[in-house]
């Protein structure tokens, strides 16, 4: 295998599920089906494609920095932009990795910046003699593997939403709000790329480059992707409802506290008025010379407080 770090994979499909590896010093053979996988961030990748007769428009498309999933005819071949979930340790799955590929007359060229587990898996199947037998079959296998790896990610997202629902039933806390917001953002980010990817797969099913078996595999992947999108939408809506329920519980608790404070204020309003009135430092206050005046005053305030409580009770404020 060539040791140039920008060249990740360079092989010919043998038509029986295996491969034959070649290096960058060899020109592409038009009578054999090739698969070349490159790091598009390296100028050497573009130079190699140009030296091997790849059209400039295709090179520009395969080295584009920003892409969204789509499929279109380019220079007699099929240009496809796809996204795969990020399964590297410590990475966020919704930080999706872009895969650019061009299905040309004599093979497939794929490019990426970060490594996809899907590409490694398909390469391993070719090394083991159990890989795709044609260029269109290679594209279909990549599509299928990309879609399979999304299932676990979305299932985990659904499980986290269900866990939040159980926590809400047991003991709703403020931490659930931020957790649900994070889950919603993850769902939105995933859907941002999966929705156009569904449209790209739909176009592949009617493309002239694909055989019947390849179309069937792409159709199955498209159906799974549609189901995953529906599950993703359901999880996002569930998270939204749970977040609204958390807000409702929090607002209800705040309203209960405010109501309690309002009732306490209403109870002590007349008492505060009387204590303020009898606390003024002027002559002529009743009971100043009576030793039991304070006791009578306290008893009177108690009666007033009880009266206010009874009045509130009759008004069903308590």
Protein backbone atom coordinates (compact mmCIF):
# COMPACT_ATOMS: atom_id res chain seq x y z
CA UNK A 1 0.00 0.00 0.00
CA UNK A 2 1.22 3.53 -0.79
CA UNK A 3 2.47 5.34 2.31
CA UNK A 4 1.20 8.79 1.29
CA UNK A 5 -1.02 9.88 4.16
CA UNK A 6 -3.52 11.61 1.85
CA UNK A 7 -4.28 8.32 0.09
CA UNK A 8 -6.50 6.21 2.35
CA UNK A 9 -7.62 3.48 -0.07
CA UNK A 10 -6.57 2.61 -3.61
CA UNK A 11 -7.75 -0.69 -5.04
CA UNK A 12 -9.44 -2.42 -7.96
CA UNK A 13 -12.56 -4.51 -7.43
CA UNK A 14 -12.06 -8.03 -8.72
CA UNK A 15 -15.78 -8.62 -9.36
CA UNK A 16 -15.93 -11.45 -6.83
CA UNK A 17 -16.06 -9.42 -3.60
CA UNK A 18 -12.31 -8.95 -3.31
CA UNK A 19 -9.78 -6.28 -4.28
CA UNK A 20 -6.32 -5.63 -5.66
CA UNK A 21 -4.39 -2.80 -4.03
CA UNK A 22 -2.35 -0.30 -6.08
CA UNK A 23 -0.26 2.80 -5.33
CA UNK A 24 -0.22 6.43 -6.44
CA UNK A 25 2.61 5.84 -8.88
CA UNK A 26 0.28 3.72 -11.01
CA UNK A 27 -2.15 5.32 -13.45
CA UNK A 28 -5.79 4.29 -13.24
CA UNK A 29 -6.62 1.43 -15.58
CA UNK A 30 -9.77 2.11 -17.57
CA UNK A 31 -10.54 -1.57 -18.02
CA UNK A 32 -10.77 -2.23 -14.26
CA UNK A 33 -13.18 -0.92 -11.61
CA UNK A 34 -11.31 1.22 -9.10
CA UNK A 35 -12.06 2.62 -5.65
CA UNK A 36 -9.87 5.47 -4.49
CA UNK A 37 -10.44 7.12 -1.11
CA UNK A 38 -8.64 10.42 -0.46
CA UNK A 39 -8.20 13.12 2.15
CA UNK A 40 -9.66 16.14 0.35
CA UNK A 41 -7.87 18.63 2.64
CA UNK A 42 -4.50 17.70 1.07
CA UNK A 43 -3.52 19.38 -2.19
CA UNK A 44 -1.86 16.14 -3.26
CA UNK A 45 -5.31 14.56 -3.54
CA UNK A 46 -6.48 17.15 -6.07
CA UNK A 47 -3.18 16.88 -7.95
CA UNK A 48 -3.50 13.10 -8.17
CA UNK A 49 -7.07 13.31 -9.48
CA UNK A 50 -6.06 15.90 -12.06
CA UNK A 51 -3.12 13.76 -13.19
CA UNK A 52 -5.47 10.79 -13.67
CA UNK A 53 -7.88 12.65 -15.90
CA UNK A 54 -10.64 13.39 -13.41
CA UNK A 55 -12.63 16.41 -14.70
CA UNK A 56 -11.98 19.73 -12.94
CA UNK A 57 -15.65 20.08 -12.01
CA UNK A 58 -15.56 16.72 -10.25
CA UNK A 59 -12.32 17.59 -8.44
CA UNK A 60 -13.85 20.85 -7.25
CA UNK A 61 -16.95 19.02 -6.02
CA UNK A 62 -14.95 16.31 -4.23
CA UNK A 63 -12.78 18.88 -2.44
CA UNK A 64 -15.57 21.28 -1.45
CA UNK A 65 -15.25 22.35 2.19
CA UNK A 66 -18.99 22.64 2.94
CA UNK A 67 -21.51 20.10 1.70
CA UNK A 68 -25.08 19.00 2.29
CA UNK A 69 -26.45 15.59 1.30
CA UNK A 70 -27.52 15.49 -2.34
CA UNK A 71 -27.12 13.49 -5.54
CA UNK A 72 -26.63 14.93 -9.03
CA UNK A 73 -25.23 14.07 -12.46
CA UNK A 74 -21.76 15.55 -12.99
CA UNK A 75 -19.53 14.97 -16.06
CA UNK A 76 -21.14 11.70 -17.06
CA UNK A 77 -21.05 10.31 -13.56
CA UNK A 78 -23.01 10.54 -10.33
CA UNK A 79 -21.89 12.94 -7.59
CA UNK A 80 -23.23 12.07 -4.14
CA UNK A 81 -22.77 13.92 -0.84
CA UNK A 82 -23.60 11.87 2.24
CA UNK A 83 -23.30 12.21 6.00
CA UNK A 84 -22.48 9.59 8.62
CA UNK A 85 -22.70 9.70 12.40
CA UNK A 86 -19.49 10.31 14.30
CA UNK A 87 -18.71 7.13 16.26
CA UNK A 88 -15.20 8.05 17.40
CA UNK A 89 -14.62 7.80 21.19
CA UNK A 90 -15.52 11.02 22.96
CA UNK A 91 -17.15 12.54 19.87
CA UNK A 92 -20.74 13.68 19.56
CA UNK A 93 -22.63 11.44 17.09
CA UNK A 94 -24.60 14.42 15.77
CA UNK A 95 -21.29 16.01 14.70
CA UNK A 96 -21.75 14.19 11.42
CA UNK A 97 -18.89 13.37 9.06
CA UNK A 98 -19.24 14.24 5.38
CA UNK A 99 -18.50 11.68 2.66
CA UNK A 100 -18.16 12.88 -0.92
CA UNK A 101 -18.20 10.35 -3.74
CA UNK A 102 -18.23 10.31 -7.51
CA UNK A 103 -19.42 7.24 -9.36
CA UNK A 104 -17.66 7.58 -12.69
CA UNK A 105 -17.48 5.44 -15.83
CA UNK A 106 -14.67 3.27 -14.45
CA UNK A 107 -15.05 3.31 -10.68
CA UNK A 108 -15.63 5.31 -7.53
CA UNK A 109 -13.64 8.12 -5.94
CA UNK A 110 -14.52 9.07 -2.38
CA UNK A 111 -13.10 11.86 -0.21
CA UNK A 112 -13.39 12.89 3.41
CA UNK A 113 -11.56 14.81 6.12
CA UNK A 114 -12.32 12.64 9.14
CA UNK A 115 -12.42 8.87 9.13
CA UNK A 116 -15.77 7.10 8.89
CA UNK A 117 -16.22 3.68 10.45
CA UNK A 118 -18.41 2.80 7.48
CA UNK A 119 -15.54 3.24 5.02
CA UNK A 120 -13.27 1.08 7.17
CA UNK A 121 -15.97 -1.61 7.35
CA UNK A 122 -16.49 -1.74 3.59
CA UNK A 123 -12.73 -1.80 3.01
CA UNK A 124 -12.49 -4.68 5.47
CA UNK A 125 -15.18 -6.61 3.63
CA UNK A 126 -13.22 -6.22 0.38
CA UNK A 127 -10.05 -7.37 2.10
CA UNK A 128 -11.92 -10.43 3.34
CA UNK A 129 -13.39 -11.23 -0.07
CA UNK A 130 -16.94 -10.41 0.98
CA UNK A 131 -17.23 -6.91 -0.45
CA UNK A 132 -19.18 -5.33 -3.31
CA UNK A 133 -18.55 -6.65 -6.80
CA UNK A 134 -19.21 -3.47 -8.81
CA UNK A 135 -18.84 0.30 -8.54
CA UNK A 136 -22.57 0.84 -8.07
CA UNK A 137 -22.58 -2.00 -5.55
CA UNK A 138 -19.83 -0.20 -3.64
CA UNK A 139 -21.92 2.98 -3.45
CA UNK A 140 -24.98 0.98 -2.39
CA UNK A 141 -22.96 -0.79 0.33
CA UNK A 142 -21.63 2.54 1.65
CA UNK A 143 -25.17 3.92 1.78
CA UNK A 144 -26.42 0.82 3.57
CA UNK A 145 -23.62 0.84 6.17
CA UNK A 146 -24.06 4.56 6.83
CA UNK A 147 -27.76 4.08 7.51
CA UNK A 148 -27.28 1.05 9.78
CA UNK A 149 -24.94 3.00 12.03
CA UNK A 150 -27.49 5.75 12.50
CA UNK A 151 -29.96 3.37 14.14
CA UNK A 152 -28.06 2.93 17.41
CA UNK A 153 -27.54 6.68 17.72
CA UNK A 154 -31.22 7.49 17.32
CA UNK A 155 -32.25 4.60 19.59
CA UNK A 156 -29.92 5.97 22.28
CA UNK A 157 -31.48 9.40 21.84
CA UNK A 158 -34.95 7.93 22.28
CA UNK A 159 -33.78 6.04 25.38
CA UNK A 160 -32.42 9.26 26.91
CA UNK A 161 -35.74 11.01 26.31
CA UNK A 162 -37.59 8.10 27.96
CA UNK A 163 -35.19 8.31 30.91
CA UNK A 164 -36.03 12.01 31.29
CA UNK A 165 -39.73 11.12 31.25
CA UNK A 166 -39.20 8.65 34.10
CA UNK A 167 -37.23 11.23 36.08
CA UNK A 168 -40.00 13.75 35.56
CA UNK A 169 -42.56 11.36 37.02
CA UNK A 170 -40.33 10.58 40.01
CA UNK A 171 -38.94 14.01 40.90
CA UNK A 172 -38.96 16.91 38.42
CA UNK A 173 -35.85 19.08 38.79
CA UNK A 174 -34.37 22.11 37.07
CA UNK A 175 -31.58 19.93 35.62
CA UNK A 176 -34.14 18.21 33.39
CA UNK A 177 -34.72 21.46 31.51
CA UNK A 178 -31.13 21.73 30.31
CA UNK A 179 -30.96 17.99 29.61
CA UNK A 180 -34.09 18.08 27.46
CA UNK A 181 -32.85 21.18 25.64
CA UNK A 182 -29.64 19.33 24.78
CA UNK A 183 -31.58 16.33 23.47
CA UNK A 184 -33.75 18.57 21.31
CA UNK A 185 -30.69 20.29 19.84
CA UNK A 186 -29.13 16.91 19.07
CA UNK A 187 -32.31 15.77 17.33
CA UNK A 188 -32.52 18.99 15.30
CA UNK A 189 -28.87 18.69 14.24
CA UNK A 190 -29.33 15.09 13.12
CA UNK A 191 -32.48 15.89 11.18
CA UNK A 192 -30.77 18.79 9.44
CA UNK A 193 -28.68 16.30 7.47
CA UNK A 194 -30.84 13.19 7.48
CA UNK A 195 -33.80 14.85 5.76
CA UNK A 196 -31.85 15.90 2.62
CA UNK A 197 -30.01 12.57 2.71
CA UNK A 198 -33.37 10.84 2.36
CA UNK A 199 -33.99 12.86 -0.80
CA UNK A 200 -30.55 11.95 -2.13
CA UNK A 201 -31.24 8.24 -1.61
CA UNK A 202 -34.57 8.59 -3.37
CA UNK A 203 -32.74 9.93 -6.41
CA UNK A 204 -30.25 7.05 -6.35
CA UNK A 205 -33.10 4.56 -6.71
CA UNK A 206 -33.91 5.84 -10.18
CA UNK A 207 -30.36 6.48 -11.37
CA UNK A 208 -29.13 4.73 -14.51
CA UNK A 209 -25.82 3.73 -12.92
CA UNK A 210 -27.43 1.26 -10.52
CA UNK A 211 -28.45 -2.31 -11.19
CA UNK A 212 -31.54 -3.99 -9.81
CA UNK A 213 -29.81 -5.50 -6.78
CA UNK A 214 -28.11 -2.21 -5.96
CA UNK A 215 -31.39 -0.31 -6.23
CA UNK A 216 -33.01 -2.81 -3.87
CA UNK A 217 -30.26 -2.27 -1.28
CA UNK A 218 -30.52 1.52 -1.59
CA UNK A 219 -34.32 1.32 -1.33
CA UNK A 220 -34.06 -0.70 1.89
CA UNK A 221 -31.61 1.85 3.28
CA UNK A 222 -33.94 4.67 2.25
CA UNK A 223 -36.89 2.99 3.98
CA UNK A 224 -34.86 2.58 7.16
CA UNK A 225 -33.77 6.20 6.97
CA UNK A 226 -37.40 7.28 6.62
CA UNK A 227 -38.30 5.28 9.73
CA UNK A 228 -35.34 6.77 11.60
CA UNK A 229 -36.49 10.26 10.67
CA UNK A 230 -39.96 9.48 12.00
CA UNK A 231 -38.45 8.13 15.23
CA UNK A 232 -36.26 11.22 15.46
CA UNK A 233 -39.24 13.53 15.02
CA UNK A 234 -41.18 11.58 17.66
CA UNK A 235 -38.27 11.82 20.11
CA UNK A 236 -37.93 15.55 19.49
CA UNK A 237 -41.66 16.15 20.01
CA UNK A 238 -41.59 13.99 23.15
CA UNK A 239 -38.68 16.04 24.49
CA UNK A 240 -40.59 19.24 23.73
CA UNK A 241 -43.67 18.01 25.59
CA UNK A 242 -41.56 16.91 28.55
CA UNK A 243 -39.85 20.28 28.65
CA UNK A 244 -43.21 22.04 28.64
CA UNK A 245 -44.34 19.75 31.46
CA UNK A 246 -41.21 20.62 33.46
CA UNK A 247 -41.94 24.32 32.94
CA UNK A 248 -45.54 23.71 34.01
CA UNK A 249 -44.47 21.96 37.21
CA UNK A 250 -41.97 24.70 37.97
CA UNK A 251 -44.51 27.46 37.32
CA UNK A 252 -47.07 25.67 39.48
CA UNK A 253 -44.56 25.49 42.33
CA UNK A 254 -43.75 29.18 41.94
CA UNK A 255 -47.44 30.09 41.85
CA UNK A 256 -48.06 28.06 45.02
CA UNK A 257 -45.30 29.94 46.81
CA UNK A 258 -46.55 33.30 45.58
CA UNK A 259 -50.09 32.41 46.66
CA UNK A 260 -48.88 31.43 50.12
CA UNK A 261 -46.99 34.69 50.46
CA UNK A 262 -50.06 36.62 49.30
CA UNK A 263 -52.24 34.89 51.93
CA UNK A 264 -49.70 35.62 54.66
CA UNK A 265 -49.60 39.27 53.57
CA UNK A 266 -53.41 39.46 53.59
CA UNK A 267 -53.49 37.95 57.08
CA UNK A 268 -50.99 40.37 58.55
CA UNK A 269 -52.24 43.47 56.73
CA UNK A 270 -54.89 44.43 59.36
CA UNK A 271 -52.60 43.35 62.17
CA UNK A 272 -49.81 45.51 60.82
CA UNK A 273 -52.18 48.44 60.56
CA UNK A 274 -53.23 48.11 64.21
CA UNK A 275 -49.68 47.70 65.51
CA UNK A 276 -48.63 50.73 63.52
CA UNK A 277 -51.57 52.74 64.77
CA UNK A 278 -50.99 51.91 68.43
CA UNK A 279 -47.27 52.34 68.07
CA UNK A 280 -47.35 56.05 67.31
CA UNK A 281 -45.67 58.14 69.97
CA UNK A 282 -48.42 60.69 70.74
CA UNK A 283 -50.59 61.36 73.76
CA UNK A 284 -54.13 60.12 74.22
CA UNK A 285 -53.57 56.48 73.28
CA UNK A 286 -56.17 54.27 74.99
CA UNK A 287 -54.90 51.85 77.64
CA UNK A 288 -51.65 53.62 78.31
CA UNK A 289 -52.34 53.64 82.06
CA UNK A 290 -53.90 50.15 82.13
CA UNK A 291 -51.54 47.31 83.08
CA UNK A 292 -53.60 44.77 81.12
CA UNK A 293 -53.99 46.87 77.95
CA UNK A 294 -51.25 44.97 76.11
CA UNK A 295 -52.90 41.63 76.84
CA UNK A 296 -56.25 42.97 75.65
CA UNK A 297 -54.57 44.29 72.51
CA UNK A 298 -52.95 40.91 71.76
CA UNK A 299 -56.24 39.14 72.34
CA UNK A 300 -57.99 41.57 69.99
CA UNK A 301 -55.41 40.97 67.27
CA UNK A 302 -55.82 37.21 67.72
CA UNK A 303 -59.56 37.54 67.27
CA UNK A 304 -59.03 39.66 64.16
CA UNK A 305 -56.56 37.12 62.75
CA UNK A 306 -59.01 34.28 63.35
CA UNK A 307 -61.74 36.34 61.73
CA UNK A 308 -59.57 36.98 58.66
CA UNK A 309 -58.77 33.26 58.40
CA UNK A 310 -62.47 32.35 58.62
CA UNK A 311 -63.29 34.96 55.98
CA UNK A 312 -60.59 33.57 53.66
CA UNK A 313 -61.87 30.07 54.26
CA UNK A 314 -65.42 31.05 53.32
CA UNK A 315 -64.10 32.69 50.16
CA UNK A 316 -62.21 29.45 49.44
CA UNK A 317 -58.89 31.19 49.33
CA UNK A 318 -57.45 28.60 51.71
